[in-house]
Structure formats: C-alpha cells, structure tokens
C-alpha cells in the first residue's frame, strides 16, 4: 500500500504543480491530496511538502484552521467567473450552463465561507 500512496501522492503533486500555470486545474486541493497520500506512505515526503516555501502554506493553513488565503479566494473566484463567462461566450446549451451555474455557485459559496488564515 505504501507504493500506492506514494505514487498517488506524486501524481497529485505533479498535477497540483501544473495547476499553478493552468487556470482550471485546482492547485490547492491537489496539494492537499498529495499531503494526505504522503502522510500514509512517507513522512519524509509529507514533511518536505508541508515545509516547502511555496507549496506548504496553503496546506498548513487548511490543516490548522480550515482556512483559505484572501489571495487564494480571489484567484479562485476570478477563475470560476472566467470559466462560466467562457461557457456563455461559447454558447453552451442552457442545461449545461444551468448545471455549471449551480455547481460553480456552490463551489464559490464554499470558498467564500472558509475563514482567512490568522497570522
């Protein structure tokens, strides 16, 4: 099982890092998944990820307080709005837009109701 968790964590980490530059790929949830997997396979990899200067802060904030940074919230909401706006511009069918509006609306509500990290 350790190999499974290590490979899964590595895959999630790779996708999370790619998500830094690909707007629709959710970086933080994938980093949280990678930390979860590494916690079950390699404490050394988990610690490396948590202590990483760029990748670690959102994981630490979430674990400590269930918090999302204000910058993270802003970027997420902008990406969500851009996604929906693109769907409208592409004239996707009304049923698709309706499902997307409800789903993205609930995701936005979840993100905005999370606390911001305390310093």
PDB file of N, CA and C in Angstrom:
ATOM      1  N   UNK A   1       0.821  -1.208   0.000  1.00  0.00           N
ATOM      2  CA  UNK A   1       0.000   0.000   0.000  1.00  0.00           C
ATOM      3  C   UNK A   1       0.861   1.266   0.000  1.00  0.00           C
ATOM      4  N   UNK A   2       2.059   1.188   0.585  1.00  0.00           N
ATOM      5  CA  UNK A   2       2.921   2.379   0.605  1.00  0.00           C
ATOM      6  C   UNK A   2       3.239   2.864  -0.799  1.00  0.00           C
ATOM      7  N   UNK A   3       3.472   1.908  -1.699  1.00  0.00           N
ATOM      8  CA  UNK A   3       3.780   2.291  -3.081  1.00  0.00           C
ATOM      9  C   UNK A   3       2.574   2.994  -3.705  1.00  0.00           C
ATOM     10  N   UNK A   4       1.390   2.451  -3.474  1.00  0.00           N
ATOM     11  CA  UNK A   4       0.158   3.076  -3.992  1.00  0.00           C
ATOM     12  C   UNK A   4       0.039   4.514  -3.507  1.00  0.00           C
ATOM     13  N   UNK A   5       0.213   4.728  -2.193  1.00  0.00           N
ATOM     14  CA  UNK A   5       0.069   6.073  -1.631  1.00  0.00           C
ATOM     15  C   UNK A   5       1.172   7.012  -2.133  1.00  0.00           C
ATOM     16  N   UNK A   6       2.381   6.495  -2.290  1.00  0.00           N
ATOM     17  CA  UNK A   6       3.484   7.324  -2.781  1.00  0.00           C
ATOM     18  C   UNK A   6       3.242   7.738  -4.227  1.00  0.00           C
ATOM     19  N   UNK A   7       2.850   6.783  -5.065  1.00  0.00           N
ATOM     20  CA  UNK A   7       2.574   7.090  -6.466  1.00  0.00           C
ATOM     21  C   UNK A   7       1.380   8.052  -6.578  1.00  0.00           C
ATOM     22  N   UNK A   8       0.332   7.802  -5.811  1.00  0.00           N
ATOM     23  CA  UNK A   8      -0.834   8.687  -5.830  1.00  0.00           C
ATOM     24  C   UNK A   8      -0.452  10.097  -5.387  1.00  0.00           C
ATOM     25  N   UNK A   9       0.350  10.189  -4.341  1.00  0.00           N
ATOM     26  CA  UNK A   9       0.806  11.497  -3.868  1.00  0.00           C
ATOM     27  C   UNK A   9       1.658  12.208  -4.898  1.00  0.00           C
ATOM     28  N   UNK A  10       2.536  11.470  -5.555  1.00  0.00           N
ATOM     29  CA  UNK A  10       3.374  12.059  -6.595  1.00  0.00           C
ATOM     30  C   UNK A  10       2.551  12.557  -7.772  1.00  0.00           C
ATOM     31  N   UNK A  11       1.539  11.769  -8.152  1.00  0.00           N
ATOM     32  CA  UNK A  11       0.659  12.164  -9.251  1.00  0.00           C
ATOM     33  C   UNK A  11      -0.126  13.419  -8.881  1.00  0.00           C
ATOM     34  N   UNK A  12      -0.683  13.450  -7.670  1.00  0.00           N
ATOM     35  CA  UNK A  12      -1.433  14.627  -7.214  1.00  0.00           C
ATOM     36  C   UNK A  12      -0.524  15.850  -7.140  1.00  0.00           C
ATOM     37  N   UNK A  13       0.695  15.652  -6.653  1.00  0.00           N
ATOM     38  CA  UNK A  13       1.651  16.756  -6.567  1.00  0.00           C
ATOM     39  C   UNK A  13       1.981  17.288  -7.958  1.00  0.00           C
ATOM     40  N   UNK A  14       2.236  16.389  -8.906  1.00  0.00           N
ATOM     41  CA  UNK A  14       2.552  16.815 -10.272  1.00  0.00           C
ATOM     42  C   UNK A  14       1.397  17.612 -10.873  1.00  0.00           C
ATOM     43  N   UNK A  15       0.171  17.107 -10.719  1.00  0.00           N
ATOM     44  CA  UNK A  15      -0.992  17.835 -11.236  1.00  0.00           C
ATOM     45  C   UNK A  15      -1.155  19.180 -10.532  1.00  0.00           C
ATOM     46  N   UNK A  16      -0.907  19.212  -9.219  1.00  0.00           N
ATOM     47  CA  UNK A  16      -1.012  20.464  -8.472  1.00  0.00           C
ATOM     48  C   UNK A  16      -0.015  21.499  -8.947  1.00  0.00           C
ATOM     49  N   UNK A  17       1.204  21.076  -9.226  1.00  0.00           N
ATOM     50  CA  UNK A  17       2.226  21.998  -9.718  1.00  0.00           C
ATOM     51  C   UNK A  17       1.854  22.493 -11.119  1.00  0.00           C
ATOM     52  N   UNK A  18       1.346  21.597 -11.952  1.00  0.00           N
ATOM     53  CA  UNK A  18       0.872  22.012 -13.274  1.00  0.00           C
ATOM     54  C   UNK A  18      -0.267  23.020 -13.128  1.00  0.00           C
ATOM     55  N   UNK A  19      -1.109  22.814 -12.113  1.00  0.00           N
ATOM     56  CA  UNK A  19      -2.235  23.703 -11.869  1.00  0.00           C
ATOM     57  C   UNK A  19      -1.832  25.126 -11.524  1.00  0.00           C
ATOM     58  N   UNK A  20      -0.587  25.331 -11.164  1.00  0.00           N
ATOM     59  CA  UNK A  20      -0.116  26.694 -10.882  1.00  0.00           C
ATOM     60  C   UNK A  20      -0.186  27.540 -12.149  1.00  0.00           C
ATOM     61  N   UNK A  21       0.079  26.926 -13.302  1.00  0.00           N
ATOM     62  CA  UNK A  21       0.079  27.685 -14.552  1.00  0.00           C
ATOM     63  C   UNK A  21      -1.140  27.403 -15.429  1.00  0.00           C
ATOM     64  N   UNK A  22      -1.877  26.338 -15.143  1.00  0.00           N
ATOM     65  CA  UNK A  22      -3.089  26.018 -15.911  1.00  0.00           C
ATOM     66  C   UNK A  22      -4.289  26.471 -15.073  1.00  0.00           C
ATOM     67  N   UNK A  23      -4.987  27.504 -15.523  1.00  0.00           N
ATOM     68  CA  UNK A  23      -6.008  28.143 -14.688  1.00  0.00           C
ATOM     69  C   UNK A  23      -7.121  27.233 -14.152  1.00  0.00           C
ATOM     70  N   UNK A  24      -7.569  26.248 -14.897  1.00  0.00           N
ATOM     71  CA  UNK A  24      -8.716  25.467 -14.463  1.00  0.00           C
ATOM     72  C   UNK A  24      -8.351  24.234 -13.639  1.00  0.00           C
ATOM     73  N   UNK A  25      -7.081  23.997 -13.421  1.00  0.00           N
ATOM     74  CA  UNK A  25      -6.636  22.856 -12.624  1.00  0.00           C
ATOM     75  C   UNK A  25      -6.431  23.330 -11.183  1.00  0.00           C
ATOM     76  N   UNK A  26      -7.196  22.782 -10.233  1.00  0.00           N
ATOM     77  CA  UNK A  26      -7.179  23.307  -8.861  1.00  0.00           C
ATOM     78  C   UNK A  26      -5.919  22.902  -8.084  1.00  0.00           C
ATOM     79  N   UNK A  27      -5.024  23.831  -7.896  1.00  0.00           N
ATOM     80  CA  UNK A  27      -3.742  23.551  -7.260  1.00  0.00           C
ATOM     81  C   UNK A  27      -3.883  23.112  -5.808  1.00  0.00           C
ATOM     82  N   UNK A  28      -4.525  23.906  -4.980  1.00  0.00           N
ATOM     83  CA  UNK A  28      -4.565  23.618  -3.538  1.00  0.00           C
ATOM     84  C   UNK A  28      -5.232  22.287  -3.201  1.00  0.00           C
ATOM     85  N   UNK A  29      -6.389  21.956  -3.774  1.00  0.00           N
ATOM     86  CA  UNK A  29      -6.961  20.644  -3.452  1.00  0.00           C
ATOM     87  C   UNK A  29      -6.037  19.482  -3.840  1.00  0.00           C
ATOM     88  N   UNK A  30      -5.313  19.634  -4.941  1.00  0.00           N
ATOM     89  CA  UNK A  30      -4.390  18.582  -5.339  1.00  0.00           C
ATOM     90  C   UNK A  30      -3.192  18.507  -4.393  1.00  0.00           C
ATOM     91  N   UNK A  31      -2.729  19.646  -3.900  1.00  0.00           N
ATOM     92  CA  UNK A  31      -1.651  19.635  -2.912  1.00  0.00           C
ATOM     93  C   UNK A  31      -2.122  19.014  -1.598  1.00  0.00           C
ATOM     94  N   UNK A  32      -3.357  19.300  -1.207  1.00  0.00           N
ATOM     95  CA  UNK A  32      -3.919  18.665  -0.006  1.00  0.00           C
ATOM     96  C   UNK A  32      -4.007  17.156  -0.184  1.00  0.00           C
ATOM     97  N   UNK A  33      -4.406  16.720  -1.367  1.00  0.00           N
ATOM     98  CA  UNK A  33      -4.464  15.290  -1.660  1.00  0.00           C
ATOM     99  C   UNK A  33      -3.067  14.675  -1.614  1.00  0.00           C
ATOM    100  N   UNK A  34      -2.085  15.361  -2.166  1.00  0.00           N
ATOM    101  CA  UNK A  34      -0.706  14.863  -2.139  1.00  0.00           C
ATOM    102  C   UNK A  34      -0.222  14.720  -0.697  1.00  0.00           C
ATOM    103  N   UNK A  35      -0.485  15.715   0.142  1.00  0.00           N
ATOM    104  CA  UNK A  35      -0.080  15.638   1.552  1.00  0.00           C
ATOM    105  C   UNK A  35      -0.775  14.477   2.252  1.00  0.00           C
ATOM    106  N   UNK A  36      -2.049  14.278   1.963  1.00  0.00           N
ATOM    107  CA  UNK A  36      -2.810  13.158   2.524  1.00  0.00           C
ATOM    108  C   UNK A  36      -2.166  11.829   2.131  1.00  0.00           C
ATOM    109  N   UNK A  37      -1.854  11.678   0.861  1.00  0.00           N
ATOM    110  CA  UNK A  37      -1.239  10.441   0.382  1.00  0.00           C
ATOM    111  C   UNK A  37       0.148  10.237   0.982  1.00  0.00           C
ATOM    112  N   UNK A  38       0.943  11.290   1.004  1.00  0.00           N
ATOM    113  CA  UNK A  38       2.291  11.171   1.557  1.00  0.00           C
ATOM    114  C   UNK A  38       2.263  10.862   3.050  1.00  0.00           C
ATOM    115  N   UNK A  39       1.250  11.343   3.755  1.00  0.00           N
ATOM    116  CA  UNK A  39       1.127  11.048   5.186  1.00  0.00           C
ATOM    117  C   UNK A  39       0.951   9.547   5.412  1.00  0.00           C
ATOM    118  N   UNK A  40       0.405   8.856   4.428  1.00  0.00           N
ATOM    119  CA  UNK A  40       0.184   7.417   4.541  1.00  0.00           C
ATOM    120  C   UNK A  40       1.333   6.592   3.981  1.00  0.00           C
ATOM    121  N   UNK A  41       2.291   7.251   3.321  1.00  0.00           N
ATOM    122  CA  UNK A  41       3.361   6.487   2.688  1.00  0.00           C
ATOM    123  C   UNK A  41       4.755   6.901   3.132  1.00  0.00           C
ATOM    124  N   UNK A  42       4.976   8.190   3.261  1.00  0.00           N
ATOM    125  CA  UNK A  42       6.333   8.674   3.526  1.00  0.00           C
ATOM    126  C   UNK A  42       6.295   9.957   4.356  1.00  0.00           C
ATOM    127  N   UNK A  43       6.532   9.852   5.654  1.00  0.00           N
ATOM    128  CA  UNK A  43       6.576  11.064   6.480  1.00  0.00           C
ATOM    129  C   UNK A  43       7.604  12.086   5.963  1.00  0.00           C
ATOM    130  N   UNK A  44       8.673  11.598   5.355  1.00  0.00           N
ATOM    131  CA  UNK A  44       9.694  12.497   4.820  1.00  0.00           C
ATOM    132  C   UNK A  44       9.135  13.333   3.662  1.00  0.00           C
ATOM    133  N   UNK A  45       8.414  12.699   2.745  1.00  0.00           N
ATOM    134  CA  UNK A  45       7.803  13.451   1.639  1.00  0.00           C
ATOM    135  C   UNK A  45       6.715  14.393   2.147  1.00  0.00           C
ATOM    136  N   UNK A  46       5.935  13.933   3.109  1.00  0.00           N
ATOM    137  CA  UNK A  46       4.896  14.793   3.683  1.00  0.00           C
ATOM    138  C   UNK A  46       5.525  16.038   4.305  1.00  0.00           C
ATOM    139  N   UNK A  47       6.574  15.845   5.083  1.00  0.00           N
ATOM    140  CA  UNK A  47       7.231  16.980   5.731  1.00  0.00           C
ATOM    141  C   UNK A  47       7.849  17.918   4.694  1.00  0.00           C
ATOM    142  N   UNK A  48       8.458  17.355   3.645  1.00  0.00           N
ATOM    143  CA  UNK A  48       9.034  18.185   2.589  1.00  0.00           C
ATOM    144  C   UNK A  48       7.954  19.067   1.968  1.00  0.00           C
ATOM    145  N   UNK A  49       6.801  18.469   1.680  1.00  0.00           N
ATOM    146  CA  UNK A  49       5.711  19.217   1.048  1.00  0.00           C
ATOM    147  C   UNK A  49       5.158  20.288   1.977  1.00  0.00           C
ATOM    148  N   UNK A  50       4.939  19.936   3.229  1.00  0.00           N
ATOM    149  CA  UNK A  50       4.377  20.888   4.193  1.00  0.00           C
ATOM    150  C   UNK A  50       5.341  22.043   4.463  1.00  0.00           C
ATOM    151  N   UNK A  51       6.622  21.750   4.465  1.00  0.00           N
ATOM    152  CA  UNK A  51       7.619  22.781   4.757  1.00  0.00           C
ATOM    153  C   UNK A  51       8.089  23.540   3.518  1.00  0.00           C
ATOM    154  N   UNK A  52       7.629  23.150   2.339  1.00  0.00           N
ATOM    155  CA  UNK A  52       8.048  23.816   1.109  1.00  0.00           C
ATOM    156  C   UNK A  52       7.624  25.289   1.173  1.00  0.00           C
ATOM    157  N   UNK A  53       8.526  26.211   0.814  1.00  0.00           N
ATOM    158  CA  UNK A  53       8.206  27.640   0.955  1.00  0.00           C
ATOM    159  C   UNK A  53       7.040  28.117   0.084  1.00  0.00           C
ATOM    160  N   UNK A  54       6.816  27.517  -1.060  1.00  0.00           N
ATOM    161  CA  UNK A  54       5.730  27.943  -1.950  1.00  0.00           C
ATOM    162  C   UNK A  54       4.495  27.054  -1.831  1.00  0.00           C
ATOM    163  N   UNK A  55       4.696  25.753  -1.742  1.00  0.00           N
ATOM    164  CA  UNK A  55       3.579  24.811  -1.751  1.00  0.00           C
ATOM    165  C   UNK A  55       3.007  24.543  -0.365  1.00  0.00           C
ATOM    166  N   UNK A  56       3.792  24.746   0.665  1.00  0.00           N
ATOM    167  CA  UNK A  56       3.382  24.393   2.019  1.00  0.00           C
ATOM    168  C   UNK A  56       2.353  25.295   2.692  1.00  0.00           C
ATOM    169  N   UNK A  57       2.411  26.620   2.530  1.00  0.00           N
ATOM    170  CA  UNK A  57       1.486  27.489   3.270  1.00  0.00           C
ATOM    171  C   UNK A  57       0.000  27.162   3.122  1.00  0.00           C
ATOM    172  N   UNK A  58      -0.519  26.909   1.899  1.00  0.00           N
ATOM    173  CA  UNK A  58      -1.956  26.601   1.842  1.00  0.00           C
ATOM    174  C   UNK A  58      -2.302  25.289   2.560  1.00  0.00           C
ATOM    175  N   UNK A  59      -1.396  24.341   2.543  1.00  0.00           N
ATOM    176  CA  UNK A  59      -1.632  23.068   3.240  1.00  0.00           C
ATOM    177  C   UNK A  59      -1.650  23.306   4.741  1.00  0.00           C
ATOM    178  N   UNK A  60      -0.684  24.066   5.227  1.00  0.00           N
ATOM    179  CA  UNK A  60      -0.625  24.358   6.669  1.00  0.00           C
ATOM    180  C   UNK A  60      -1.853  25.149   7.123  1.00  0.00           C
ATOM    181  N   UNK A  61      -2.261  26.149   6.326  1.00  0.00           N
ATOM    182  CA  UNK A  61      -3.448  26.947   6.673  1.00  0.00           C
ATOM    183  C   UNK A  61      -4.691  26.068   6.749  1.00  0.00           C
ATOM    184  N   UNK A  62      -4.847  25.174   5.768  1.00  0.00           N
ATOM    185  CA  UNK A  62      -6.030  24.312   5.744  1.00  0.00           C
ATOM    186  C   UNK A  62      -6.024  23.354   6.925  1.00  0.00           C
ATOM    187  N   UNK A  63      -4.883  22.752   7.200  1.00  0.00           N
ATOM    188  CA  UNK A  63      -4.801  21.790   8.303  1.00  0.00           C
ATOM    189  C   UNK A  63      -5.021  22.457   9.655  1.00  0.00           C
ATOM    190  N   UNK A  64      -4.494  23.649   9.818  1.00  0.00           N
ATOM    191  CA  UNK A  64      -4.578  24.316  11.112  1.00  0.00           C
ATOM    192  C   UNK A  64      -5.947  24.933  11.368  1.00  0.00           C
ATOM    193  N   UNK A  65      -6.537  25.550  10.338  1.00  0.00           N
ATOM    194  CA  UNK A  65      -7.747  26.346  10.562  1.00  0.00           C
ATOM    195  C   UNK A  65      -8.863  26.105   9.560  1.00  0.00           C
ATOM    196  N   UNK A  66      -8.638  25.228   8.581  1.00  0.00           N
ATOM    197  CA  UNK A  66      -9.624  25.084   7.510  1.00  0.00           C
ATOM    198  C   UNK A  66      -9.736  26.379   6.728  1.00  0.00           C
ATOM    199  N   UNK A  67      -8.611  27.097   6.615  1.00  0.00           N
ATOM    200  CA  UNK A  67      -8.615  28.446   6.067  1.00  0.00           C
ATOM    201  C   UNK A  67      -8.066  28.489   4.645  1.00  0.00           C
ATOM    202  N   UNK A  68      -8.555  29.470   3.887  1.00  0.00           N
ATOM    203  CA  UNK A  68      -8.069  29.754   2.537  1.00  0.00           C
ATOM    204  C   UNK A  68      -7.661  31.223   2.521  1.00  0.00           C
ATOM    205  N   UNK A  69      -6.469  31.499   2.000  1.00  0.00           N
ATOM    206  CA  UNK A  69      -5.978  32.878   1.988  1.00  0.00           C
ATOM    207  C   UNK A  69      -6.890  33.765   1.138  1.00  0.00           C
ATOM    208  N   UNK A  70      -6.869  35.043   1.443  1.00  0.00           N
ATOM    209  CA  UNK A  70      -7.664  36.011   0.686  1.00  0.00           C
ATOM    210  C   UNK A  70      -7.232  36.010  -0.776  1.00  0.00           C
ATOM    211  N   UNK A  71      -5.945  35.924  -1.017  1.00  0.00           N
ATOM    212  CA  UNK A  71      -5.431  35.865  -2.392  1.00  0.00           C
ATOM    213  C   UNK A  71      -5.952  34.614  -3.084  1.00  0.00           C
ATOM    214  N   UNK A  72      -5.929  33.485  -2.393  1.00  0.00           N
ATOM    215  CA  UNK A  72      -6.430  32.236  -2.958  1.00  0.00           C
ATOM    216  C   UNK A  72      -7.911  32.315  -3.283  1.00  0.00           C
ATOM    217  N   UNK A  73      -8.669  32.916  -2.383  1.00  0.00           N
ATOM    218  CA  UNK A  73     -10.103  33.089  -2.634  1.00  0.00           C
ATOM    219  C   UNK A  73     -10.338  33.955  -3.866  1.00  0.00           C
ATOM    220  N   UNK A  74      -9.601  35.046  -3.951  1.00  0.00           N
ATOM    221  CA  UNK A  74      -9.757  35.963  -5.076  1.00  0.00           C
ATOM    222  C   UNK A  74      -9.435  35.273  -6.394  1.00  0.00           C
ATOM    223  N   UNK A  75      -8.308  34.578  -6.435  1.00  0.00           N
ATOM    224  CA  UNK A  75      -7.923  33.879  -7.666  1.00  0.00           C
ATOM    225  C   UNK A  75      -8.941  32.806  -8.039  1.00  0.00           C
ATOM    226  N   UNK A  76      -9.447  32.102  -7.047  1.00  0.00           N
ATOM    227  CA  UNK A  76     -10.436  31.046  -7.313  1.00  0.00           C
ATOM    228  C   UNK A  76     -11.724  31.635  -7.881  1.00  0.00           C
ATOM    229  N   UNK A  77     -12.209  32.700  -7.282  1.00  0.00           N
ATOM    230  CA  UNK A  77     -13.459  33.317  -7.751  1.00  0.00           C
ATOM    231  C   UNK A  77     -13.281  33.898  -9.155  1.00  0.00           C
ATOM    232  N   UNK A  78     -12.133  34.499  -9.420  1.00  0.00           N
ATOM    233  CA  UNK A  78     -11.866  35.027 -10.768  1.00  0.00           C
ATOM    234  C   UNK A  78     -11.836  33.885 -11.780  1.00  0.00           C
ATOM    235  N   UNK A  79     -11.175  32.776 -11.436  1.00  0.00           N
ATOM    236  CA  UNK A  79     -11.116  31.631 -12.348  1.00  0.00           C
ATOM    237  C   UNK A  79     -12.502  31.038 -12.571  1.00  0.00           C
ATOM    238  N   UNK A  80     -13.300  30.966 -11.527  1.00  0.00           N
ATOM    239  CA  UNK A  80     -14.666  30.440 -11.652  1.00  0.00           C
ATOM    240  C   UNK A  80     -15.502  31.349 -12.561  1.00  0.00           C
ATOM    241  N   UNK A  81     -15.413  32.651 -12.343  1.00  0.00           N
ATOM    242  CA  UNK A  81     -16.168  33.594 -13.182  1.00  0.00           C
ATOM    243  C   UNK A  81     -15.707  33.524 -14.631  1.00  0.00           C
ATOM    244  N   UNK A  82     -14.394  33.412 -14.848  1.00  0.00           N
ATOM    245  CA  UNK A  82     -13.867  33.323 -16.210  1.00  0.00           C
ATOM    246  C   UNK A  82     -14.348  32.040 -16.894  1.00  0.00           C
ATOM    247  N   UNK A  83     -14.377  30.961 -16.138  1.00  0.00           N
ATOM    248  CA  UNK A  83     -14.849  29.691 -16.694  1.00  0.00           C
ATOM    249  C   UNK A  83     -16.305  29.797 -17.135  1.00  0.00           C
ATOM    250  N   UNK A  84     -17.126  30.350 -16.268  1.00  0.00           N
ATOM    251  CA  UNK A  84     -18.539  30.485 -16.623  1.00  0.00           C
ATOM    252  C   UNK A  84     -18.719  31.471 -17.777  1.00  0.00           C
ATOM    253  N   UNK A  85     -17.953  32.561 -17.727  1.00  0.00           N
ATOM    254  CA  UNK A  85     -18.029  33.543 -18.814  1.00  0.00           C
ATOM    255  C   UNK A  85     -17.645  32.932 -20.157  1.00  0.00           C
ATOM    256  N   UNK A  86     -16.619  32.116 -20.177  1.00  0.00           N
ATOM    257  CA  UNK A  86     -16.210  31.430 -21.399  1.00  0.00           C
ATOM    258  C   UNK A  86     -17.303  30.493 -21.896  1.00  0.00           C
ATOM    259  N   UNK A  87     -17.952  29.818 -20.965  1.00  0.00           N
ATOM    260  CA  UNK A  87     -19.047  28.915 -21.339  1.00  0.00           C
ATOM    261  C   UNK A  87     -20.197  29.681 -21.989  1.00  0.00           C
ATOM    262  N   UNK A  88     -20.478  30.874 -21.477  1.00  0.00           N
ATOM    263  CA  UNK A  88     -21.540  31.705 -22.053  1.00  0.00           C
ATOM    264  C   UNK A  88     -21.128  32.177 -23.449  1.00  0.00           C
ATOM    265  N   UNK A  89     -19.887  32.632 -23.570  1.00  0.00           N
ATOM    266  CA  UNK A  89     -19.380  33.107 -24.861  1.00  0.00           C
ATOM    267  C   UNK A  89     -19.401  31.987 -25.898  1.00  0.00           C
ATOM    268  N   UNK A  90     -19.079  30.778 -25.462  1.00  0.00           N
ATOM    269  CA  UNK A  90     -19.090  29.629 -26.382  1.00  0.00           C
ATOM    270  C   UNK A  90     -20.495  29.122 -26.678  1.00  0.00           C
ATOM    271  N   UNK A  91     -21.485  29.742 -26.045  1.00  0.00           N
ATOM    272  CA  UNK A  91     -22.891  29.398 -26.255  1.00  0.00           C
ATOM    273  C   UNK A  91     -23.181  27.921 -25.995  1.00  0.00           C
ATOM    274  N   UNK A  92     -22.710  27.468 -24.840  1.00  0.00           N
ATOM    275  CA  UNK A  92     -23.024  26.096 -24.445  1.00  0.00           C
ATOM    276  C   UNK A  92     -24.526  25.971 -24.221  1.00  0.00           C
ATOM    277  N   UNK A  93     -25.068  24.773 -24.354  1.00  0.00           N
ATOM    278  CA  UNK A  93     -26.511  24.583 -24.162  1.00  0.00           C
ATOM    279  C   UNK A  93     -26.971  25.059 -22.782  1.00  0.00           C
ATOM    280  N   UNK A  94     -28.225  25.484 -22.716  1.00  0.00           N
ATOM    281  CA  UNK A  94     -28.793  26.004 -21.478  1.00  0.00           C
ATOM    282  C   UNK A  94     -28.713  25.031 -20.310  1.00  0.00           C
ATOM    283  N   UNK A  95     -28.913  23.743 -20.587  1.00  0.00           N
ATOM    284  CA  UNK A  95     -28.831  22.766 -19.484  1.00  0.00           C
ATOM    285  C   UNK A  95     -27.416  22.693 -18.928  1.00  0.00           C
ATOM    286  N   UNK A  96     -26.433  22.763 -19.815  1.00  0.00           N
ATOM    287  CA  UNK A  96     -25.036  22.741 -19.356  1.00  0.00           C
ATOM    288  C   UNK A  96     -24.747  23.985 -18.531  1.00  0.00           C
ATOM    289  N   UNK A  97     -25.193  25.135 -19.017  1.00  0.00           N
ATOM    290  CA  UNK A  97     -24.973  26.381 -18.279  1.00  0.00           C
ATOM    291  C   UNK A  97     -25.675  26.351 -16.921  1.00  0.00           C
ATOM    292  N   UNK A  98     -26.858  25.788 -16.873  1.00  0.00           N
ATOM    293  CA  UNK A  98     -27.589  25.699 -15.603  1.00  0.00           C
ATOM    294  C   UNK A  98     -26.849  24.820 -14.602  1.00  0.00           C
ATOM    295  N   UNK A  99     -26.424  23.653 -15.055  1.00  0.00           N
ATOM    296  CA  UNK A  99     -25.680  22.740 -14.168  1.00  0.00           C
ATOM    297  C   UNK A  99     -24.385  23.404 -13.718  1.00  0.00           C
ATOM    298  N   UNK A 100     -23.707  24.036 -14.664  1.00  0.00           N
ATOM    299  CA  UNK A 100     -22.451  24.708 -14.346  1.00  0.00           C
ATOM    300  C   UNK A 100     -22.685  25.861 -13.366  1.00  0.00           C
ATOM    301  N   UNK A 101     -23.731  26.636 -13.559  1.00  0.00           N
ATOM    302  CA  UNK A 101     -24.020  27.768 -12.668  1.00  0.00           C
ATOM    303  C   UNK A 101     -24.271  27.292 -11.243  1.00  0.00           C
ATOM    304  N   UNK A 102     -25.051  26.235 -11.095  1.00  0.00           N
ATOM    305  CA  UNK A 102     -25.341  25.713  -9.758  1.00  0.00           C
ATOM    306  C   UNK A 102     -24.057  25.171  -9.117  1.00  0.00           C
ATOM    307  N   UNK A 103     -23.316  24.361  -9.865  1.00  0.00           N
ATOM    308  CA  UNK A 103     -22.094  23.758  -9.328  1.00  0.00           C
ATOM    309  C   UNK A 103     -21.067  24.825  -8.963  1.00  0.00           C
ATOM    310  N   UNK A 104     -20.791  25.727  -9.885  1.00  0.00           N
ATOM    311  CA  UNK A 104     -19.801  26.780  -9.622  1.00  0.00           C
ATOM    312  C   UNK A 104     -20.272  27.727  -8.523  1.00  0.00           C
ATOM    313  N   UNK A 105     -21.566  27.969  -8.463  1.00  0.00           N
ATOM    314  CA  UNK A 105     -22.103  28.806  -7.391  1.00  0.00           C
ATOM    315  C   UNK A 105     -21.877  28.177  -6.025  1.00  0.00           C
ATOM    316  N   UNK A 106     -22.109  26.870  -5.923  1.00  0.00           N
ATOM    317  CA  UNK A 106     -21.886  26.176  -4.641  1.00  0.00           C
ATOM    318  C   UNK A 106     -20.404  26.130  -4.279  1.00  0.00           C
ATOM    319  N   UNK A 107     -19.563  25.923  -5.273  1.00  0.00           N
ATOM    320  CA  UNK A 107     -18.113  25.934  -5.013  1.00  0.00           C
ATOM    321  C   UNK A 107     -17.684  27.324  -4.536  1.00  0.00           C
ATOM    322  N   UNK A 108     -18.184  28.358  -5.189  1.00  0.00           N
ATOM    323  CA  UNK A 108     -17.858  29.728  -4.775  1.00  0.00           C
ATOM    324  C   UNK A 108     -18.340  30.001  -3.353  1.00  0.00           C
ATOM    325  N   UNK A 109     -19.546  29.562  -3.039  1.00  0.00           N
ATOM    326  CA  UNK A 109     -20.073  29.732  -1.687  1.00  0.00           C
ATOM    327  C   UNK A 109     -19.178  29.041  -0.658  1.00  0.00           C
ATOM    328  N   UNK A 110     -18.763  27.826  -0.966  1.00  0.00           N
ATOM    329  CA  UNK A 110     -17.870  27.099  -0.059  1.00  0.00           C
ATOM    330  C   UNK A 110     -16.569  27.868   0.151  1.00  0.00           C
ATOM    331  N   UNK A 111     -15.961  28.308  -0.935  1.00  0.00           N
ATOM    332  CA  UNK A 111     -14.676  29.018  -0.847  1.00  0.00           C
ATOM    333  C   UNK A 111     -14.820  30.295  -0.027  1.00  0.00           C
ATOM    334  N   UNK A 112     -15.861  31.071  -0.303  1.00  0.00           N
ATOM    335  CA  UNK A 112     -16.016  32.363   0.371  1.00  0.00           C
ATOM    336  C   UNK A 112     -16.410  32.239   1.841  1.00  0.00           C
ATOM    337  N   UNK A 113     -16.954  31.095   2.226  1.00  0.00           N
ATOM    338  CA  UNK A 113     -17.331  30.922   3.644  1.00  0.00           C
ATOM    339  C   UNK A 113     -16.198  30.318   4.483  1.00  0.00           C
ATOM    340  N   UNK A 114     -15.088  29.968   3.869  1.00  0.00           N
ATOM    341  CA  UNK A 114     -13.932  29.493   4.651  1.00  0.00           C
ATOM    342  C   UNK A 114     -13.253  30.705   5.277  1.00  0.00           C
ATOM    343  N   UNK A 115     -12.732  30.540   6.471  1.00  0.00           N
ATOM    344  CA  UNK A 115     -12.043  31.666   7.100  1.00  0.00           C
ATOM    345  C   UNK A 115     -10.719  31.961   6.390  1.00  0.00           C
ATOM    346  N   UNK A 116     -10.238  33.168   6.577  1.00  0.00           N
ATOM    347  CA  UNK A 116      -8.888  33.509   6.133  1.00  0.00           C
ATOM    348  C   UNK A 116      -7.932  33.143   7.247  1.00  0.00           C
ATOM    349  N   UNK A 117      -6.706  32.752   6.926  1.00  0.00           N
ATOM    350  CA  UNK A 117      -5.763  32.351   7.981  1.00  0.00           C
ATOM    351  C   UNK A 117      -5.417  33.513   8.907  1.00  0.00           C
ATOM    352  N   UNK A 118      -5.271  33.195  10.177  1.00  0.00           N
ATOM    353  CA  UNK A 118      -4.813  34.200  11.123  1.00  0.00           C
ATOM    354  C   UNK A 118      -3.292  34.176  11.134  1.00  0.00           C
ATOM    355  N   UNK A 119      -2.709  35.302  11.354  1.00  0.00           N
ATOM    356  CA  UNK A 119      -1.236  35.381  11.340  1.00  0.00           C
ATOM    357  C   UNK A 119      -0.652  35.229  12.695  1.00  0.00           C
TER     358      UNK A 119
END
